[in-house]
N, C-alpha and C. Protein backbone atom coordinates (compact mmCIF):
# COMPACT_ATOMS: atom_id res chain seq x y z
N MET A 1 95.21 112.07 80.00
CA MET A 1 96.49 111.99 79.32
C MET A 1 97.65 111.97 80.33
N LYS A 2 97.58 112.84 81.34
CA LYS A 2 98.64 112.88 82.34
C LYS A 2 98.68 111.58 83.14
N LYS A 3 97.52 110.98 83.35
CA LYS A 3 97.45 109.73 84.10
C LYS A 3 98.18 108.62 83.34
N ILE A 4 98.03 108.58 82.04
CA ILE A 4 98.71 107.57 81.22
C ILE A 4 100.22 107.80 81.25
N GLN A 5 100.65 109.04 81.15
CA GLN A 5 102.09 109.34 81.23
C GLN A 5 102.65 108.94 82.59
N TRP A 6 101.93 109.24 83.65
CA TRP A 6 102.37 108.89 85.00
C TRP A 6 102.49 107.37 85.15
N MET A 7 101.51 106.62 84.63
CA MET A 7 101.53 105.15 84.70
C MET A 7 102.71 104.60 83.90
N THR A 8 102.97 105.16 82.74
CA THR A 8 104.08 104.71 81.90
C THR A 8 105.41 104.93 82.61
N ILE A 9 105.59 106.08 83.20
CA ILE A 9 106.83 106.39 83.92
C ILE A 9 106.99 105.44 85.10
N THR A 10 105.92 105.18 85.82
CA THR A 10 105.97 104.28 86.98
C THR A 10 106.35 102.87 86.55
N VAL A 11 105.74 102.37 85.49
CA VAL A 11 106.05 101.02 84.99
C VAL A 11 107.50 100.94 84.55
N LEU A 12 107.99 101.94 83.85
CA LEU A 12 109.39 101.95 83.41
C LEU A 12 110.35 101.97 84.59
N MET A 13 110.04 102.74 85.63
CA MET A 13 110.91 102.79 86.81
C MET A 13 110.94 101.45 87.53
N VAL A 14 109.79 100.80 87.66
CA VAL A 14 109.74 99.48 88.29
C VAL A 14 110.53 98.48 87.47
N TRP A 15 110.40 98.52 86.17
CA TRP A 15 111.13 97.61 85.29
C TRP A 15 112.65 97.81 85.44
N VAL A 16 113.09 99.06 85.50
CA VAL A 16 114.52 99.34 85.67
C VAL A 16 115.02 98.83 87.02
N MET A 17 114.24 99.03 88.08
CA MET A 17 114.64 98.57 89.41
C MET A 17 114.75 97.05 89.46
N ILE A 18 113.82 96.35 88.82
CA ILE A 18 113.84 94.89 88.81
C ILE A 18 115.03 94.38 88.01
N SER A 19 115.31 95.02 86.89
CA SER A 19 116.40 94.55 86.03
C SER A 19 117.77 94.80 86.66
N CYS A 20 117.86 95.69 87.64
CA CYS A 20 119.13 95.96 88.31
C CYS A 20 119.43 94.96 89.42
N GLY A 21 118.51 94.06 89.71
CA GLY A 21 118.69 93.08 90.79
C GLY A 21 119.79 92.07 90.45
N ARG A 22 120.17 91.31 91.45
CA ARG A 22 121.21 90.32 91.30
C ARG A 22 120.68 89.12 90.51
N THR A 23 121.52 88.53 89.67
CA THR A 23 121.14 87.38 88.87
C THR A 23 121.57 86.10 89.56
N ALA A 24 120.64 85.17 89.66
CA ALA A 24 120.94 83.87 90.24
C ALA A 24 120.74 82.80 89.17
N TYR A 25 121.51 81.75 89.27
CA TYR A 25 121.44 80.64 88.32
C TYR A 25 121.01 79.39 89.06
N VAL A 26 120.31 78.49 88.35
CA VAL A 26 119.73 77.33 89.00
C VAL A 26 119.92 76.08 88.14
N GLN A 27 120.16 74.96 88.82
CA GLN A 27 120.07 73.63 88.23
C GLN A 27 119.12 72.85 89.11
N LYS A 28 118.17 72.14 88.49
CA LYS A 28 117.24 71.38 89.32
C LYS A 28 116.84 70.08 88.64
N ASP A 29 116.40 69.15 89.47
CA ASP A 29 115.92 67.86 89.00
C ASP A 29 114.48 68.07 88.52
N ALA A 30 114.23 67.78 87.25
CA ALA A 30 112.90 68.01 86.67
C ALA A 30 111.86 67.03 87.21
N ASP A 31 112.28 65.91 87.80
CA ASP A 31 111.34 64.90 88.29
C ASP A 31 110.79 65.22 89.68
N VAL A 32 111.31 66.23 90.35
CA VAL A 32 110.92 66.54 91.72
C VAL A 32 109.82 67.60 91.72
N ASP A 33 108.78 67.36 92.51
CA ASP A 33 107.70 68.33 92.70
C ASP A 33 108.06 69.20 93.91
N PHE A 34 108.51 70.41 93.66
CA PHE A 34 108.97 71.30 94.72
C PHE A 34 107.83 71.90 95.54
N SER A 35 106.61 71.79 95.05
CA SER A 35 105.48 72.34 95.81
C SER A 35 105.17 71.50 97.05
N THR A 36 105.67 70.26 97.09
CA THR A 36 105.41 69.40 98.26
C THR A 36 106.45 69.59 99.35
N ILE A 37 107.53 70.30 99.06
CA ILE A 37 108.61 70.49 100.04
C ILE A 37 108.25 71.67 100.94
N LYS A 38 108.20 71.41 102.25
CA LYS A 38 107.86 72.46 103.21
C LYS A 38 108.80 72.50 104.41
N THR A 39 109.59 71.44 104.63
CA THR A 39 110.49 71.42 105.79
C THR A 39 111.92 71.14 105.34
N TYR A 40 112.87 71.64 106.13
CA TYR A 40 114.28 71.46 105.81
C TYR A 40 115.09 71.36 107.09
N SER A 41 116.31 70.87 106.91
CA SER A 41 117.25 70.79 108.02
C SER A 41 118.64 71.11 107.46
N TRP A 42 119.47 71.76 108.28
CA TRP A 42 120.82 72.11 107.85
C TRP A 42 121.76 70.92 108.00
N VAL A 43 122.70 70.81 107.08
CA VAL A 43 123.69 69.73 107.11
C VAL A 43 125.07 70.37 107.21
N THR A 44 125.93 69.77 108.01
CA THR A 44 127.32 70.20 108.08
C THR A 44 128.14 69.15 107.35
N THR A 45 128.78 69.57 106.25
CA THR A 45 129.56 68.63 105.45
C THR A 45 130.93 68.42 106.08
N GLN A 46 131.61 67.38 105.66
CA GLN A 46 132.95 67.08 106.17
C GLN A 46 133.92 68.20 105.78
N ALA A 47 133.76 68.75 104.57
CA ALA A 47 134.64 69.84 104.13
C ALA A 47 134.46 71.06 105.02
N ASN A 48 133.21 71.37 105.41
CA ASN A 48 132.96 72.52 106.28
C ASN A 48 133.54 72.29 107.67
N LYS A 49 133.47 71.04 108.17
CA LYS A 49 134.06 70.74 109.48
C LYS A 49 135.56 70.94 109.46
N GLU A 50 136.22 70.47 108.39
CA GLU A 50 137.67 70.63 108.28
C GLU A 50 138.06 72.09 108.14
N LYS A 51 137.27 72.85 107.36
CA LYS A 51 137.52 74.28 107.19
C LYS A 51 137.39 75.01 108.52
N ALA A 52 136.37 74.64 109.29
CA ALA A 52 136.11 75.31 110.57
C ALA A 52 137.23 75.05 111.56
N SER A 53 137.83 73.86 111.51
CA SER A 53 138.91 73.57 112.46
C SER A 53 140.18 74.31 112.09
N VAL A 54 140.36 74.65 110.83
CA VAL A 54 141.56 75.34 110.38
C VAL A 54 141.41 76.86 110.50
N GLN A 55 140.22 77.37 110.14
CA GLN A 55 140.02 78.82 110.11
C GLN A 55 139.83 79.40 111.50
N ILE A 56 140.06 80.68 111.57
CA ILE A 56 139.80 81.41 112.81
C ILE A 56 138.29 81.55 112.96
N LYS A 57 137.81 81.63 114.16
CA LYS A 57 136.38 81.64 114.42
C LYS A 57 135.68 82.95 114.05
N ASN A 58 136.39 83.93 113.49
CA ASN A 58 135.72 85.18 113.13
C ASN A 58 134.83 85.02 111.91
N ASP A 59 134.96 83.91 111.16
CA ASP A 59 134.06 83.63 110.06
C ASP A 59 132.71 83.15 110.57
N ASP A 60 132.63 82.81 111.85
CA ASP A 60 131.38 82.34 112.43
C ASP A 60 130.28 83.38 112.28
N LEU A 61 130.60 84.65 112.40
CA LEU A 61 129.61 85.71 112.25
C LEU A 61 129.04 85.72 110.84
N THR A 62 129.90 85.62 109.83
CA THR A 62 129.45 85.59 108.44
C THR A 62 128.56 84.37 108.20
N ASN A 63 128.99 83.21 108.71
CA ASN A 63 128.20 81.98 108.53
C ASN A 63 126.82 82.10 109.18
N ARG A 64 126.78 82.68 110.38
CA ARG A 64 125.48 82.86 111.05
C ARG A 64 124.58 83.80 110.25
N LYS A 65 125.16 84.87 109.71
CA LYS A 65 124.36 85.83 108.95
C LYS A 65 123.81 85.19 107.68
N ILE A 66 124.61 84.35 107.03
CA ILE A 66 124.13 83.67 105.82
C ILE A 66 122.98 82.73 106.17
N ARG A 67 123.16 81.94 107.23
CA ARG A 67 122.09 81.01 107.63
C ARG A 67 120.83 81.75 108.05
N GLN A 68 120.99 82.86 108.77
CA GLN A 68 119.82 83.65 109.18
C GLN A 68 119.08 84.22 107.96
N ALA A 69 119.85 84.69 106.98
CA ALA A 69 119.24 85.25 105.77
C ALA A 69 118.49 84.16 105.00
N ILE A 70 119.08 82.97 104.90
CA ILE A 70 118.42 81.87 104.20
C ILE A 70 117.17 81.44 104.97
N ASP A 71 117.29 81.30 106.29
CA ASP A 71 116.14 80.92 107.12
C ASP A 71 114.99 81.93 106.96
N LYS A 72 115.32 83.21 106.99
CA LYS A 72 114.30 84.26 106.88
C LYS A 72 113.60 84.19 105.52
N ASN A 73 114.39 84.05 104.43
CA ASN A 73 113.79 84.02 103.10
C ASN A 73 112.98 82.75 102.87
N LEU A 74 113.43 81.63 103.42
CA LEU A 74 112.65 80.39 103.28
C LEU A 74 111.36 80.46 104.12
N ALA A 75 111.42 81.09 105.27
CA ALA A 75 110.21 81.25 106.10
C ALA A 75 109.17 82.09 105.37
N GLU A 76 109.62 83.09 104.62
CA GLU A 76 108.70 83.90 103.82
C GLU A 76 108.03 83.08 102.74
N LYS A 77 108.69 82.01 102.30
CA LYS A 77 108.12 81.11 101.28
C LYS A 77 107.25 80.02 101.91
N GLY A 78 107.19 79.99 103.25
CA GLY A 78 106.36 79.01 103.93
C GLY A 78 107.12 77.75 104.35
N TRP A 79 108.43 77.75 104.25
CA TRP A 79 109.24 76.61 104.66
C TRP A 79 109.54 76.71 106.15
N LYS A 80 109.77 75.56 106.77
CA LYS A 80 110.03 75.52 108.20
C LYS A 80 111.24 74.63 108.48
N GLU A 81 112.12 75.09 109.38
CA GLU A 81 113.27 74.28 109.77
C GLU A 81 112.83 73.29 110.86
N VAL A 82 113.19 72.02 110.66
CA VAL A 82 112.87 70.99 111.65
C VAL A 82 114.13 70.20 111.95
N LYS A 83 114.15 69.55 113.11
CA LYS A 83 115.31 68.74 113.52
C LYS A 83 115.19 67.30 113.05
N LYS A 84 113.94 66.78 112.96
CA LYS A 84 113.73 65.38 112.57
C LYS A 84 112.83 65.29 111.35
N ASN A 85 113.13 64.33 110.49
CA ASN A 85 112.34 64.00 109.30
C ASN A 85 112.06 65.21 108.39
N PRO A 86 113.10 65.91 107.92
CA PRO A 86 112.86 67.02 106.99
C PRO A 86 112.57 66.48 105.58
N ASP A 87 112.00 67.32 104.75
CA ASP A 87 111.80 66.97 103.34
C ASP A 87 113.13 67.03 102.59
N VAL A 88 113.94 68.06 102.91
CA VAL A 88 115.23 68.24 102.24
C VAL A 88 116.29 68.67 103.25
N TYR A 89 117.52 68.43 102.87
CA TYR A 89 118.66 68.93 103.63
C TYR A 89 119.24 70.12 102.87
N LEU A 90 119.69 71.13 103.60
CA LEU A 90 120.30 72.31 103.00
C LEU A 90 121.78 72.38 103.35
N VAL A 91 122.56 72.83 102.39
CA VAL A 91 123.96 73.12 102.63
C VAL A 91 124.33 74.29 101.71
N TYR A 92 125.19 75.17 102.20
CA TYR A 92 125.63 76.28 101.36
C TYR A 92 127.15 76.31 101.34
N ASP A 93 127.67 77.00 100.34
CA ASP A 93 129.11 77.12 100.18
C ASP A 93 129.43 78.52 99.68
N ILE A 94 130.54 79.06 100.17
CA ILE A 94 131.01 80.36 99.71
C ILE A 94 132.38 80.15 99.08
N MET A 95 132.55 80.70 97.89
CA MET A 95 133.84 80.60 97.22
C MET A 95 134.26 82.02 96.81
N ILE A 96 135.45 82.40 97.24
CA ILE A 96 135.98 83.72 96.89
C ILE A 96 137.21 83.49 96.01
N GLU A 97 137.16 84.05 94.81
CA GLU A 97 138.23 83.86 93.83
C GLU A 97 138.75 85.21 93.37
N GLU A 98 140.00 85.22 92.95
CA GLU A 98 140.58 86.40 92.34
C GLU A 98 140.56 86.18 90.84
N GLU A 99 139.96 87.09 90.12
CA GLU A 99 139.81 86.98 88.67
C GLU A 99 140.49 88.17 88.01
N ASN A 100 140.92 87.96 86.76
CA ASN A 100 141.44 89.05 85.95
C ASN A 100 140.29 89.59 85.12
N LYS A 101 140.08 90.89 85.19
CA LYS A 101 139.00 91.53 84.47
C LYS A 101 139.59 92.53 83.49
N LYS A 102 139.11 92.49 82.25
CA LYS A 102 139.58 93.43 81.24
C LYS A 102 138.81 94.74 81.39
N VAL A 103 139.55 95.82 81.54
CA VAL A 103 138.96 97.14 81.70
C VAL A 103 139.33 97.98 80.48
N THR A 104 138.32 98.49 79.78
CA THR A 104 138.58 99.34 78.62
C THR A 104 138.24 100.77 78.98
N THR A 105 139.15 101.67 78.65
CA THR A 105 139.00 103.09 78.96
C THR A 105 139.15 103.88 77.67
N PRO A 106 138.22 104.78 77.37
CA PRO A 106 138.37 105.59 76.16
C PRO A 106 139.55 106.56 76.30
N VAL A 107 140.24 106.77 75.18
CA VAL A 107 141.41 107.66 75.16
C VAL A 107 141.13 108.81 74.20
N TYR A 108 141.39 110.03 74.68
CA TYR A 108 141.19 111.24 73.87
C TYR A 108 142.50 112.00 73.77
N SER A 109 142.65 112.70 72.64
CA SER A 109 143.85 113.52 72.47
C SER A 109 143.73 114.78 73.34
N GLN A 110 144.85 115.42 73.56
CA GLN A 110 144.88 116.65 74.34
C GLN A 110 144.41 117.81 73.46
N SER A 111 143.47 118.60 73.95
CA SER A 111 143.04 119.78 73.20
C SER A 111 144.12 120.85 73.29
N PHE A 112 144.23 121.67 72.25
CA PHE A 112 145.26 122.72 72.28
C PHE A 112 144.83 123.89 71.38
N THR A 113 145.53 124.99 71.54
CA THR A 113 145.28 126.19 70.75
C THR A 113 146.57 126.58 70.04
N ARG A 114 146.45 126.85 68.74
CA ARG A 114 147.61 127.34 67.97
C ARG A 114 147.34 128.78 67.57
N TRP A 115 148.41 129.55 67.51
CA TRP A 115 148.30 130.96 67.11
C TRP A 115 148.90 131.13 65.72
N PHE A 116 148.15 131.80 64.86
CA PHE A 116 148.60 132.07 63.50
C PHE A 116 148.59 133.58 63.28
N PHE A 117 149.58 134.03 62.51
CA PHE A 117 149.65 135.45 62.18
C PHE A 117 148.87 135.69 60.89
N ASN A 118 147.93 136.63 60.95
CA ASN A 118 147.14 136.99 59.78
C ASN A 118 147.76 138.26 59.20
N PRO A 119 148.42 138.14 58.03
CA PRO A 119 149.09 139.31 57.46
C PRO A 119 148.13 140.41 57.00
N ARG A 120 146.94 140.01 56.68
CA ARG A 120 145.97 140.99 56.21
C ARG A 120 145.57 141.96 57.33
N ASN A 121 145.27 141.41 58.52
CA ASN A 121 144.87 142.23 59.67
C ASN A 121 146.06 142.64 60.52
N ARG A 122 147.18 141.98 60.31
CA ARG A 122 148.37 142.19 61.10
C ARG A 122 148.09 141.89 62.58
N ARG A 123 147.41 140.73 62.74
CA ARG A 123 147.08 140.29 64.10
C ARG A 123 147.35 138.79 64.22
N TRP A 124 147.54 138.39 65.48
CA TRP A 124 147.67 136.97 65.77
C TRP A 124 146.28 136.43 66.07
N VAL A 125 145.91 135.30 65.46
CA VAL A 125 144.57 134.74 65.59
C VAL A 125 144.68 133.35 66.24
N PRO A 126 143.92 133.10 67.31
CA PRO A 126 143.96 131.76 67.91
C PRO A 126 143.02 130.80 67.17
N VAL A 127 143.49 129.56 67.01
CA VAL A 127 142.65 128.49 66.45
C VAL A 127 142.65 127.35 67.47
N PHE A 128 141.44 126.99 67.91
CA PHE A 128 141.29 125.98 68.94
C PHE A 128 141.07 124.60 68.30
N TYR A 129 141.84 123.61 68.75
CA TYR A 129 141.69 122.24 68.28
C TYR A 129 141.15 121.40 69.46
N PRO A 130 139.87 120.96 69.40
CA PRO A 130 139.31 120.19 70.52
C PRO A 130 139.91 118.79 70.58
N SER A 131 139.73 118.15 71.73
CA SER A 131 140.23 116.78 71.87
C SER A 131 139.41 115.86 70.96
N GLN A 132 140.08 114.80 70.49
CA GLN A 132 139.43 113.85 69.58
C GLN A 132 139.57 112.44 70.15
N PHE A 133 138.58 111.63 69.85
CA PHE A 133 138.59 110.24 70.28
C PHE A 133 139.66 109.48 69.49
N MET A 134 140.54 108.78 70.22
CA MET A 134 141.64 108.08 69.57
C MET A 134 141.53 106.56 69.67
N GLY A 135 140.62 106.06 70.48
CA GLY A 135 140.47 104.61 70.63
C GLY A 135 140.29 104.24 72.09
N TYR A 136 140.60 102.99 72.39
CA TYR A 136 140.45 102.48 73.75
C TYR A 136 141.77 101.96 74.28
N ASP A 137 141.98 102.15 75.58
CA ASP A 137 143.13 101.60 76.28
C ASP A 137 142.63 100.42 77.10
N GLU A 138 143.25 99.24 76.91
CA GLU A 138 142.80 98.05 77.62
C GLU A 138 143.82 97.66 78.69
N ASP A 139 143.32 97.42 79.90
CA ASP A 139 144.16 96.99 81.01
C ASP A 139 143.53 95.77 81.66
N MET A 140 144.35 94.99 82.33
CA MET A 140 143.85 93.87 83.11
C MET A 140 143.90 94.28 84.58
N GLU A 141 142.81 94.02 85.29
CA GLU A 141 142.70 94.42 86.68
C GLU A 141 142.25 93.19 87.50
N LYS A 142 142.87 92.97 88.64
CA LYS A 142 142.48 91.85 89.49
C LYS A 142 141.31 92.27 90.37
N VAL A 143 140.26 91.45 90.35
CA VAL A 143 139.09 91.69 91.18
C VAL A 143 138.75 90.42 91.94
N LYS A 144 138.10 90.59 93.09
CA LYS A 144 137.64 89.43 93.87
C LYS A 144 136.17 89.20 93.56
N GLU A 145 135.84 87.94 93.30
CA GLU A 145 134.46 87.56 93.06
C GLU A 145 134.02 86.58 94.13
N GLY A 146 132.86 86.84 94.70
CA GLY A 146 132.30 85.94 95.70
C GLY A 146 131.11 85.20 95.13
N THR A 147 131.12 83.86 95.27
CA THR A 147 130.02 83.03 94.79
C THR A 147 129.38 82.33 95.99
N LEU A 148 128.08 82.49 96.13
CA LEU A 148 127.31 81.82 97.16
C LEU A 148 126.45 80.76 96.48
N THR A 149 126.58 79.51 96.94
CA THR A 149 125.84 78.39 96.37
C THR A 149 124.98 77.76 97.45
N LEU A 150 123.70 77.55 97.15
CA LEU A 150 122.78 76.87 98.05
C LEU A 150 122.35 75.57 97.39
N THR A 151 122.49 74.45 98.12
CA THR A 151 122.18 73.13 97.59
C THR A 151 121.10 72.47 98.43
N LEU A 152 120.11 71.87 97.76
CA LEU A 152 119.05 71.10 98.41
C LEU A 152 119.24 69.64 98.06
N MET A 153 119.22 68.78 99.09
CA MET A 153 119.35 67.34 98.88
C MET A 153 118.10 66.65 99.41
N ASP A 154 117.64 65.66 98.67
CA ASP A 154 116.49 64.88 99.11
C ASP A 154 116.85 64.15 100.40
N ALA A 155 116.00 64.25 101.41
CA ALA A 155 116.29 63.65 102.71
C ALA A 155 116.27 62.13 102.66
N ASP A 156 115.50 61.55 101.74
CA ASP A 156 115.40 60.09 101.66
C ASP A 156 116.56 59.47 100.86
N THR A 157 116.95 60.13 99.77
CA THR A 157 117.96 59.52 98.88
C THR A 157 119.33 60.19 98.96
N ASP A 158 119.45 61.33 99.61
CA ASP A 158 120.69 62.11 99.69
C ASP A 158 121.20 62.56 98.32
N LYS A 159 120.32 62.62 97.35
CA LYS A 159 120.69 63.11 96.02
C LYS A 159 120.42 64.61 95.95
N THR A 160 121.26 65.32 95.23
CA THR A 160 121.05 66.75 95.02
C THR A 160 119.88 66.93 94.08
N ILE A 161 118.88 67.69 94.51
CA ILE A 161 117.71 67.92 93.67
C ILE A 161 117.61 69.36 93.16
N TRP A 162 118.35 70.27 93.79
CA TRP A 162 118.30 71.68 93.38
C TRP A 162 119.57 72.37 93.84
N GLN A 163 120.09 73.24 92.97
CA GLN A 163 121.26 74.03 93.32
C GLN A 163 121.13 75.41 92.70
N GLY A 164 121.30 76.44 93.52
CA GLY A 164 121.23 77.82 93.04
C GLY A 164 122.47 78.57 93.48
N TRP A 165 122.97 79.46 92.61
CA TRP A 165 124.17 80.21 92.95
C TRP A 165 124.14 81.59 92.29
N THR A 166 124.89 82.49 92.86
CA THR A 166 125.05 83.83 92.31
C THR A 166 126.46 84.32 92.60
N THR A 167 126.99 85.11 91.69
CA THR A 167 128.36 85.61 91.78
C THR A 167 128.35 87.13 91.62
N SER A 168 129.19 87.80 92.42
CA SER A 168 129.33 89.25 92.27
C SER A 168 130.72 89.68 92.73
N GLU A 169 131.12 90.85 92.28
CA GLU A 169 132.42 91.39 92.70
C GLU A 169 132.35 91.82 94.15
N MET A 170 133.47 91.66 94.84
CA MET A 170 133.55 92.05 96.24
C MET A 170 134.52 93.21 96.38
N SER A 171 134.16 94.13 97.27
CA SER A 171 135.04 95.28 97.48
C SER A 171 136.03 95.02 98.61
N GLY A 172 135.71 94.14 99.53
CA GLY A 172 136.59 93.85 100.66
C GLY A 172 136.98 92.39 100.70
N ARG A 173 137.43 91.94 101.86
CA ARG A 173 137.86 90.56 102.03
C ARG A 173 136.69 89.63 102.30
N LYS A 174 135.60 90.17 102.83
CA LYS A 174 134.45 89.34 103.20
C LYS A 174 133.18 89.91 102.62
N LEU A 175 132.14 89.07 102.61
CA LEU A 175 130.84 89.51 102.16
C LEU A 175 130.21 90.44 103.19
N THR A 176 129.64 91.53 102.72
CA THR A 176 128.96 92.45 103.63
C THR A 176 127.54 91.94 103.88
N ASP A 177 126.88 92.50 104.89
CA ASP A 177 125.50 92.11 105.20
C ASP A 177 124.58 92.36 104.01
N LYS A 178 124.80 93.47 103.34
CA LYS A 178 123.97 93.83 102.18
C LYS A 178 124.18 92.83 101.04
N GLN A 179 125.43 92.44 100.79
CA GLN A 179 125.72 91.46 99.75
C GLN A 179 125.09 90.11 100.09
N ILE A 180 125.21 89.70 101.35
CA ILE A 180 124.64 88.43 101.77
C ILE A 180 123.13 88.44 101.55
N GLU A 181 122.46 89.49 101.99
CA GLU A 181 121.00 89.55 101.87
C GLU A 181 120.57 89.54 100.40
N SER A 182 121.24 90.31 99.55
CA SER A 182 120.82 90.36 98.15
C SER A 182 121.10 89.04 97.43
N LYS A 183 122.23 88.39 97.75
CA LYS A 183 122.56 87.10 97.14
C LYS A 183 121.54 86.04 97.54
N VAL A 184 121.24 85.96 98.84
CA VAL A 184 120.30 84.95 99.33
C VAL A 184 118.91 85.19 98.74
N LYS A 185 118.48 86.44 98.71
CA LYS A 185 117.16 86.76 98.17
C LYS A 185 117.05 86.35 96.70
N ALA A 186 118.10 86.60 95.92
CA ALA A 186 118.09 86.23 94.50
C ALA A 186 118.05 84.72 94.31
N ILE A 187 118.78 83.99 95.14
CA ILE A 187 118.80 82.53 95.02
C ILE A 187 117.46 81.92 95.44
N VAL A 188 116.93 82.33 96.60
CA VAL A 188 115.68 81.75 97.11
C VAL A 188 114.51 82.13 96.20
N ALA A 189 114.57 83.28 95.55
CA ALA A 189 113.50 83.66 94.62
C ALA A 189 113.39 82.67 93.47
N LYS A 190 114.50 82.08 93.07
CA LYS A 190 114.50 81.09 91.98
C LYS A 190 114.01 79.72 92.44
N LEU A 191 113.89 79.53 93.73
CA LEU A 191 113.50 78.21 94.27
C LEU A 191 112.08 77.83 93.88
N THR A 192 111.18 78.78 93.84
CA THR A 192 109.79 78.46 93.54
C THR A 192 109.47 78.56 92.06
N LYS A 193 110.41 78.96 91.25
CA LYS A 193 110.15 79.09 89.81
C LYS A 193 110.43 77.81 89.08
């Protein structure tokens, strides 16, 4: 009996941990057999070249970390980066936007105590009134959302055959190493499904 309870608790904990993971979204070409793809090469788009010439080079560290995370996760799937004749080309994009988020906060009344005179006992008696739920207070709050998109293009036709992306709130100005790793892992996990 205890063994069954232990197994049930373990399964529930694993299910909760999996459900707390980052959500990735995918669009893919249904005509492509992804099991045949084993090699890739990175592509630098014209937009990325223009961005790099305008931006300060401190974003280079973030870009390297993203590429390293993607390379590592693809290597775990059995993919290999090659310089010549890849099966697909890879390109990624980061978009950071400021969004308005509605925040609802419950509102409660202030608890208080009133004193009443009891003529029968000739004493003052306290009556406590607890706080009561009065509704919700709604505010708009500005938050930053970071979206990481990974795109696969067929090396022969240059057509997009797969695109995966994930979005999450950011606490700072840039993506942290932990955010990068979790975003990339969520996106690459959808690649084989």
